[in-house]
Amino acid sequence: MGRRKFLGKAGLWSLAAAGFTGGCARVNLGLKAPEPPRPEAQGFRSAEPASLYWPHGGPGHWLNPWWPSPLSRTNLFKWKFLYRNEFAGARRQPPRVPVAANAGDYLARPEHSASITSVGHCTYVIKDGPGTLLTDPHFGPRAFLYGRHQEPGVPVGKVPGDALAVLSHNHYDHLDAWTVERLAGAAWYVPVGLGEYLRSLGAKKVVELDWWQSATHGRWTLTCLPAQHWSNRVGMARDATLWCAWMLEAGERRYFYGGDSGYFHGFAEFARKFGPIDVAMLSIGAYEPRWMMRYAHMNPGEGHQAFLDLKARWMLPMHWGVFDLTDEPIDEPPRALAQAVKEKGGDMGRVKVLAVGERWEVG
């Protein structure tokens, strides 16, 4: 199937996804936000590890079997047009997002150990030995309606032609067609349902995986894992393609890449099944208002709890600072994370908040 078919009629949920990931004008009627939804009141089925292995739908109708999605068009409309943004005052200040200059020249050389560079949002470049791996590569100028607030941390032209890339799902701030077209020579590993779309953009090497399936690429072992999220894109029906997290193993090091996810019991199971984990890349942004975002996005405190559940050595917080997707300011998540860790008596020394473009040697 060519690319043209993916650009056909979009359903109501496709338009909802455009509003969610692209933003739309807010009509502020000053209504008080409702309380966050209680799982038991919205179809919660199980917190048992076994539920992570239950049947999770199929092509065209994927689902999270432990808690089927409570998201609705009605709630999306209420959030965008009726309820007051409680961060309105804080948003009047220009965001302060740290940026580090990085020409990306080092990407052409093998790494003696391992390093991770933040490109911004959820895009990291992992150099481990001779290999280069990218997570949710997004070097493009926009995520649907939202423009970038920060330029990519390294130039897309410096990414090696033999790189491999993992995708978590099809939302615009994670799957960027502009980037896929420019990295068409990379090897792409994607959740079930996205292969055909990537091939329509020119990608030649695409491997689709279901939850709990693994593939090898050189010295890498890539395992597709459950995540508590959903999928949607203009031209693709809601939940027509799968979403996932990734366990990325290279020699003696293990990296967990969480993609987008609400907080759920999967993190503890991943630690049991794959530990020890060296680095956990976890989302902490796009979390307000909680009554709308709780299901699909962790807040900073939940992101840190996921890190503790994973029993990883290091946490890299992501999903902030580049695309202004929800109510909180884009520079708020690291501050909220530091406060949450302090309140728990946790150790921020194990949390690496990278500037856009910053390269961190894993050690």
Protein backbone atom coordinates (compact mmCIF):
# COMPACT_ATOMS: atom_id res chain seq x y z
CA MET A 1 0.00 0.00 0.00
CA GLY A 2 1.40 3.39 -0.93
CA ARG A 3 1.52 6.50 1.17
CA ARG A 4 -1.60 7.92 -0.44
CA LYS A 5 -3.91 5.51 1.38
CA PHE A 6 -2.75 6.77 4.75
CA LEU A 7 -3.87 10.28 3.88
CA GLY A 8 -7.52 9.45 3.34
CA LYS A 9 -10.56 10.11 5.51
CA ALA A 10 -9.80 10.78 9.16
CA GLY A 11 -12.31 9.76 11.81
CA LEU A 12 -13.35 11.79 14.82
CA TRP A 13 -10.63 10.26 16.94
CA SER A 14 -8.05 11.27 14.37
CA LEU A 15 -9.19 14.85 14.75
CA ALA A 16 -9.13 14.41 18.53
CA ALA A 17 -5.54 13.22 18.30
CA ALA A 18 -4.70 16.27 16.24
CA GLY A 19 -6.06 18.44 19.02
CA PHE A 20 -4.24 16.45 21.70
CA THR A 21 -0.82 16.39 20.07
CA GLY A 22 -1.14 19.60 18.12
CA GLY A 23 -3.05 21.84 20.48
CA CYS A 24 -5.97 24.11 19.75
CA ALA A 25 -7.28 27.44 20.95
CA ARG A 26 -8.69 27.42 24.48
CA VAL A 27 -12.03 28.98 25.37
CA ASN A 28 -11.72 29.61 29.10
CA LEU A 29 -15.07 29.35 30.87
CA GLY A 30 -13.37 29.11 34.26
CA LEU A 31 -14.87 25.78 35.27
CA LYS A 32 -13.19 23.85 38.06
CA ALA A 33 -11.42 20.70 36.92
CA PRO A 34 -12.91 17.42 38.10
CA GLU A 35 -10.97 15.00 40.28
CA PRO A 36 -8.59 12.58 38.51
CA PRO A 37 -10.39 9.37 37.50
CA ARG A 38 -10.28 6.43 39.90
CA PRO A 39 -9.08 3.27 38.15
CA GLU A 40 -11.75 1.12 39.76
CA ALA A 41 -14.43 3.46 38.42
CA GLN A 42 -13.20 3.31 34.83
CA GLY A 43 -12.83 -0.34 33.91
CA PHE A 44 -9.69 -1.20 35.91
CA ARG A 45 -9.22 -4.95 35.62
CA SER A 46 -6.01 -6.03 37.28
CA ALA A 47 -2.72 -4.94 38.77
CA GLU A 48 -1.44 -8.52 38.68
CA PRO A 49 1.70 -9.19 36.62
CA ALA A 50 -0.24 -11.82 34.66
CA SER A 51 -2.43 -9.09 33.14
CA LEU A 52 0.59 -7.80 31.23
CA TYR A 53 0.53 -11.02 29.25
CA TRP A 54 -3.20 -11.15 28.58
CA PRO A 55 -4.46 -10.83 24.97
CA HIS A 56 -4.30 -7.15 24.02
CA GLY A 57 -6.53 -6.93 20.98
CA GLY A 58 -5.22 -7.19 17.47
CA PRO A 59 -4.58 -5.23 14.29
CA GLY A 60 -6.96 -2.30 14.16
CA HIS A 61 -8.18 -2.62 17.75
CA TRP A 62 -5.31 -2.80 20.23
CA LEU A 63 -5.96 -2.23 23.94
CA ASN A 64 -4.40 -2.27 27.40
CA PRO A 65 -6.02 -5.38 28.94
CA TRP A 66 -5.27 -4.44 32.56
CA TRP A 67 -7.14 -1.12 32.18
CA PRO A 68 -9.00 -0.43 28.94
CA SER A 69 -8.72 3.22 27.99
CA PRO A 70 -11.20 5.64 29.60
CA LEU A 71 -10.22 8.44 27.19
CA SER A 72 -13.14 10.03 25.37
CA ARG A 73 -13.92 12.81 22.92
CA THR A 74 -16.09 14.42 25.59
CA ASN A 75 -13.18 14.79 28.01
CA LEU A 76 -10.96 16.11 25.24
CA PHE A 77 -13.55 18.79 24.44
CA LYS A 78 -13.95 19.71 28.11
CA TRP A 79 -10.20 20.06 28.59
CA LYS A 80 -9.61 22.20 25.53
CA PHE A 81 -12.63 24.46 25.69
CA LEU A 82 -14.16 24.56 29.17
CA TYR A 83 -11.71 24.20 32.03
CA ARG A 84 -9.37 26.81 33.41
CA ASN A 85 -5.64 26.21 33.06
CA GLU A 86 -4.32 26.40 36.61
CA PHE A 87 -0.83 27.18 35.26
CA ALA A 88 -1.97 30.27 33.34
CA GLY A 89 0.04 32.63 35.55
CA ALA A 90 3.25 30.59 35.36
CA ARG A 91 2.97 30.34 31.58
CA ARG A 92 3.36 34.11 31.23
CA GLN A 93 7.07 33.73 31.98
CA PRO A 94 9.39 32.65 29.15
CA PRO A 95 10.41 29.02 29.71
CA ARG A 96 13.99 28.30 30.73
CA VAL A 97 15.15 25.15 29.03
CA PRO A 98 18.91 24.42 29.20
CA VAL A 99 20.68 23.91 25.87
CA ALA A 100 24.22 22.63 25.22
CA ALA A 101 26.03 23.17 21.91
CA ASN A 102 26.73 19.88 20.15
CA ALA A 103 27.87 19.65 16.53
CA GLY A 104 27.42 15.87 16.54
CA ASP A 105 30.85 15.12 15.03
CA TYR A 106 31.48 12.38 17.59
CA LEU A 107 28.64 10.31 16.10
CA ALA A 108 30.91 9.26 13.22
CA ARG A 109 33.31 7.51 15.63
CA PRO A 110 32.88 4.27 17.59
CA GLU A 111 32.30 4.74 21.32
CA HIS A 112 34.85 3.07 23.61
CA SER A 113 32.22 2.79 26.34
CA ALA A 114 28.74 4.32 26.07
CA SER A 115 27.16 7.76 25.95
CA ILE A 116 23.66 9.20 25.61
CA THR A 117 22.84 12.56 24.04
CA SER A 118 19.53 14.37 24.40
CA VAL A 119 18.20 15.57 21.06
CA GLY A 120 15.12 16.89 22.87
CA HIS A 121 11.66 15.72 23.92
CA CYS A 122 11.98 11.90 23.79
CA THR A 123 14.78 11.60 21.25
CA TYR A 124 18.08 10.24 22.52
CA VAL A 125 21.16 9.12 20.62
CA ILE A 126 22.76 6.15 22.35
CA LYS A 127 26.33 5.37 21.33
CA ASP A 128 27.39 2.01 22.70
CA GLY A 129 30.56 0.58 21.21
CA PRO A 130 30.33 0.75 17.42
CA GLY A 131 26.55 1.10 17.29
CA THR A 132 24.25 4.13 17.20
CA LEU A 133 20.65 3.82 18.36
CA LEU A 134 17.95 6.52 18.36
CA THR A 135 14.76 6.56 20.41
CA ASP A 136 11.62 8.06 18.82
CA PRO A 137 13.73 10.15 16.42
CA HIS A 138 12.20 13.61 15.99
CA PHE A 139 14.41 16.21 14.30
CA GLY A 140 11.58 17.93 12.45
CA PRO A 141 10.32 21.48 12.89
CA ARG A 142 6.85 20.57 14.15
CA ALA A 143 4.71 18.00 15.92
CA PHE A 144 1.56 18.51 13.84
CA LEU A 145 0.36 21.97 14.95
CA TYR A 146 3.07 22.54 17.56
CA GLY A 147 6.41 24.04 16.57
CA ARG A 148 9.64 23.23 18.36
CA HIS A 149 10.72 25.51 21.20
CA GLN A 150 14.30 24.20 20.97
CA GLU A 151 16.33 23.14 17.96
CA PRO A 152 17.40 19.47 17.86
CA GLY A 153 20.37 18.80 20.14
CA VAL A 154 22.45 17.41 17.25
CA PRO A 155 21.98 17.89 13.49
CA VAL A 156 20.08 15.10 11.77
CA GLY A 157 22.75 15.04 9.06
CA LYS A 158 25.33 13.78 11.58
CA VAL A 159 23.38 10.58 12.34
CA PRO A 160 25.32 7.63 10.83
CA GLY A 161 23.67 5.96 7.87
CA ASP A 162 23.78 2.55 9.58
CA ALA A 163 21.98 3.71 12.73
CA LEU A 164 19.02 1.86 14.16
CA ALA A 165 15.91 3.48 15.57
CA VAL A 166 13.05 2.39 17.80
CA LEU A 167 9.57 3.90 17.75
CA SER A 168 7.08 3.71 20.62
CA HIS A 169 3.85 4.79 18.86
CA ASN A 170 2.39 6.97 16.13
CA HIS A 171 1.63 10.29 17.88
CA TYR A 172 3.16 13.29 16.12
CA ASP A 173 5.62 14.19 18.85
CA HIS A 174 7.15 10.68 18.60
CA LEU A 175 6.74 9.60 14.98
CA ASP A 176 7.86 12.41 12.68
CA ALA A 177 7.46 11.81 8.94
CA TRP A 178 10.02 14.53 8.11
CA THR A 179 12.63 12.68 10.17
CA VAL A 180 11.80 9.23 8.78
CA GLU A 181 12.28 10.52 5.25
CA ARG A 182 15.73 11.85 6.15
CA LEU A 183 16.76 8.71 8.04
CA ALA A 184 15.24 6.30 5.54
CA GLY A 185 18.46 4.27 5.46
CA ALA A 186 18.31 3.46 9.15
CA ALA A 187 16.99 0.16 10.50
CA TRP A 188 13.61 0.84 12.11
CA TYR A 189 12.05 -1.27 14.87
CA VAL A 190 8.41 -0.44 15.45
CA PRO A 191 5.28 -1.80 17.17
CA VAL A 192 2.85 -3.83 15.10
CA GLY A 193 0.98 -1.84 12.46
CA LEU A 194 3.50 0.92 11.72
CA GLY A 195 5.70 -0.89 9.21
CA GLU A 196 3.62 -0.08 6.16
CA TYR A 197 3.47 3.61 6.98
CA LEU A 198 7.24 3.85 7.44
CA ARG A 199 7.83 2.07 4.15
CA SER A 200 5.54 4.59 2.48
CA LEU A 201 7.96 7.29 3.73
CA GLY A 202 10.93 5.55 2.14
CA ALA A 203 12.23 3.38 5.00
CA LYS A 204 13.69 0.18 3.56
CA LYS A 205 14.54 -1.79 6.72
CA VAL A 206 11.53 -2.04 9.03
CA VAL A 207 10.81 -4.73 11.63
CA GLU A 208 7.44 -4.87 13.43
CA LEU A 209 7.22 -6.42 16.88
CA ASP A 210 4.37 -7.26 19.25
CA TRP A 211 4.63 -6.98 23.04
CA TRP A 212 7.21 -9.38 24.53
CA GLN A 213 8.78 -10.10 21.15
CA SER A 214 12.51 -9.52 20.62
CA ALA A 215 14.81 -8.97 17.66
CA THR A 216 18.57 -8.74 17.30
CA HIS A 217 20.53 -6.17 15.35
CA GLY A 218 24.28 -6.62 15.55
CA ARG A 219 25.15 -6.67 19.25
CA TRP A 220 21.77 -5.19 20.19
CA THR A 221 18.76 -7.14 21.48
CA LEU A 222 15.56 -5.08 21.23
CA THR A 223 12.45 -6.19 23.13
CA CYS A 224 9.04 -4.60 22.58
CA LEU A 225 7.21 -4.20 25.91
CA PRO A 226 3.75 -3.16 27.10
CA ALA A 227 3.02 0.49 27.86
CA GLN A 228 -0.15 2.15 29.12
CA HIS A 229 -0.98 4.44 26.24
CA TRP A 230 -2.95 4.60 22.99
CA SER A 231 -2.43 5.46 19.33
CA ASN A 232 -3.98 7.80 16.81
CA ARG A 233 -2.94 9.82 13.80
CA VAL A 234 -4.77 11.59 11.00
CA GLY A 235 -5.50 8.89 8.45
CA MET A 236 -5.14 6.08 11.01
CA ALA A 237 -8.03 4.97 13.19
CA ARG A 238 -7.75 5.17 16.95
CA ASP A 239 -5.72 2.23 18.35
CA ALA A 240 -5.22 0.79 14.86
CA THR A 241 -1.47 0.50 15.52
CA LEU A 242 0.20 -0.76 18.68
CA TRP A 243 2.19 1.30 21.22
CA CYS A 244 5.07 0.09 23.35
CA ALA A 245 8.14 0.63 25.50
CA TRP A 246 11.54 -0.90 24.73
CA MET A 247 14.25 -2.84 26.52
CA LEU A 248 17.50 -2.17 24.67
CA GLU A 249 20.40 -4.48 25.48
CA ALA A 250 23.93 -3.97 24.15
CA GLY A 251 26.54 -6.29 25.60
CA GLU A 252 26.63 -5.83 29.35
CA ARG A 253 24.42 -2.71 29.39
CA ARG A 254 20.63 -2.49 29.47
CA TYR A 255 18.64 0.62 28.62
CA PHE A 256 14.90 0.96 29.24
CA TYR A 257 13.07 3.40 26.99
CA GLY A 258 9.54 4.06 28.23
CA GLY A 259 8.06 6.00 25.30
CA ASP A 260 4.73 7.42 26.47
CA SER A 261 2.94 5.70 29.32
CA GLY A 262 0.79 6.26 32.33
CA TYR A 263 2.06 4.77 35.57
CA PHE A 264 1.25 1.07 35.81
CA HIS A 265 2.46 -2.19 37.27
CA GLY A 266 4.50 -3.08 34.21
CA PHE A 267 7.63 -1.31 35.46
CA ALA A 268 8.05 -3.68 38.39
CA GLU A 269 7.56 -6.67 36.10
CA PHE A 270 10.20 -5.39 33.69
CA ALA A 271 12.68 -5.15 36.58
CA ARG A 272 11.91 -8.74 37.60
CA LYS A 273 12.24 -10.05 34.06
CA PHE A 274 15.18 -8.03 32.72
CA GLY A 275 17.12 -6.57 35.65
CA PRO A 276 19.62 -5.22 36.37
CA ILE A 277 18.88 -2.13 34.25
CA ASP A 278 21.52 0.56 33.80
CA VAL A 279 19.54 3.53 32.44
CA ALA A 280 15.80 4.24 32.43
CA MET A 281 14.52 6.92 30.05
CA LEU A 282 11.12 7.91 31.43
CA SER A 283 8.54 10.56 30.56
CA ILE A 284 7.76 13.23 33.15
CA GLY A 285 5.97 15.85 31.01
CA ALA A 286 2.57 16.55 29.42
CA TYR A 287 0.79 15.56 32.63
CA GLU A 288 -1.69 18.36 33.40
CA PRO A 289 -4.57 18.37 33.99
CA ARG A 290 -4.38 15.07 35.86
CA TRP A 291 -8.07 14.25 35.36
CA MET A 292 -7.36 14.15 31.62
CA MET A 293 -3.74 12.99 31.43
CA ARG A 294 -3.37 10.47 34.23
CA TYR A 295 -4.18 7.43 32.13
CA ALA A 296 -1.64 8.04 29.35
CA HIS A 297 1.09 10.29 30.86
CA MET A 298 3.00 10.09 34.13
CA ASN A 299 3.57 13.17 36.21
CA PRO A 300 7.10 13.70 37.58
CA GLY A 301 6.41 11.89 40.85
CA GLU A 302 5.02 8.89 38.99
CA GLY A 303 7.96 8.94 36.60
CA HIS A 304 10.33 8.74 39.55
CA GLN A 305 8.30 5.91 41.08
CA ALA A 306 8.55 4.05 37.76
CA PHE A 307 12.33 4.48 38.00
CA LEU A 308 12.30 2.99 41.49
CA ASP A 309 10.08 0.13 40.30
CA LEU A 310 12.54 -0.59 37.49
CA LYS A 311 15.43 -0.65 39.99
CA ALA A 312 17.61 1.10 37.43
CA ARG A 313 20.95 2.74 38.24
CA TRP A 314 20.16 6.03 36.47
CA MET A 315 17.05 7.93 35.41
CA LEU A 316 16.93 10.21 32.37
CA PRO A 317 13.73 12.31 32.50
CA MET A 318 12.24 13.14 29.10
CA HIS A 319 9.09 14.43 27.33
CA TRP A 320 9.55 18.05 28.35
CA GLY A 321 11.17 21.26 27.12
CA VAL A 322 10.48 21.07 23.37
CA PHE A 323 6.77 20.72 22.51
CA ASP A 324 4.12 22.62 24.47
CA LEU A 325 1.51 19.87 24.61
CA THR A 326 -0.49 20.33 27.82
CA ASP A 327 -1.27 22.79 30.59
CA GLU A 328 1.97 22.91 32.58
CA PRO A 329 4.84 25.09 31.27
CA ILE A 330 7.39 23.10 29.28
CA ASP A 331 10.14 23.84 31.84
CA GLU A 332 8.03 22.86 34.87
CA PRO A 333 8.55 19.05 34.90
CA PRO A 334 12.19 19.04 36.19
CA ARG A 335 11.25 21.38 39.04
CA ALA A 336 8.27 19.21 39.95
CA LEU A 337 10.47 16.12 39.74
CA ALA A 338 13.05 17.56 42.15
CA GLN A 339 10.26 18.43 44.59
CA ALA A 340 8.71 14.96 44.33
CA VAL A 341 12.07 13.25 44.93
CA LYS A 342 12.73 15.51 47.93
CA GLU A 343 9.34 14.72 49.44
CA LYS A 344 10.07 10.98 49.09
CA GLY A 345 13.53 11.36 50.60
CA GLY A 346 14.96 10.11 47.31
CA ASP A 347 18.31 10.68 45.64
CA MET A 348 18.46 13.24 42.82
CA GLY A 349 22.09 12.20 42.33
CA ARG A 350 20.78 9.22 40.35
CA VAL A 351 18.66 11.46 38.12
CA LYS A 352 20.35 13.04 35.09
CA VAL A 353 18.34 15.97 33.74
CA LEU A 354 20.12 16.54 30.43
CA ALA A 355 20.16 19.83 28.59
CA VAL A 356 19.08 19.65 24.95
CA GLY A 357 22.27 18.65 23.15
CA GLU A 358 24.05 17.45 26.29
CA ARG A 359 26.07 14.26 26.01
CA TRP A 360 26.36 12.08 29.12
CA GLU A 361 28.90 9.27 29.45
CA VAL A 362 27.17 6.30 31.02
CA GLY A 363 30.31 5.03 32.75
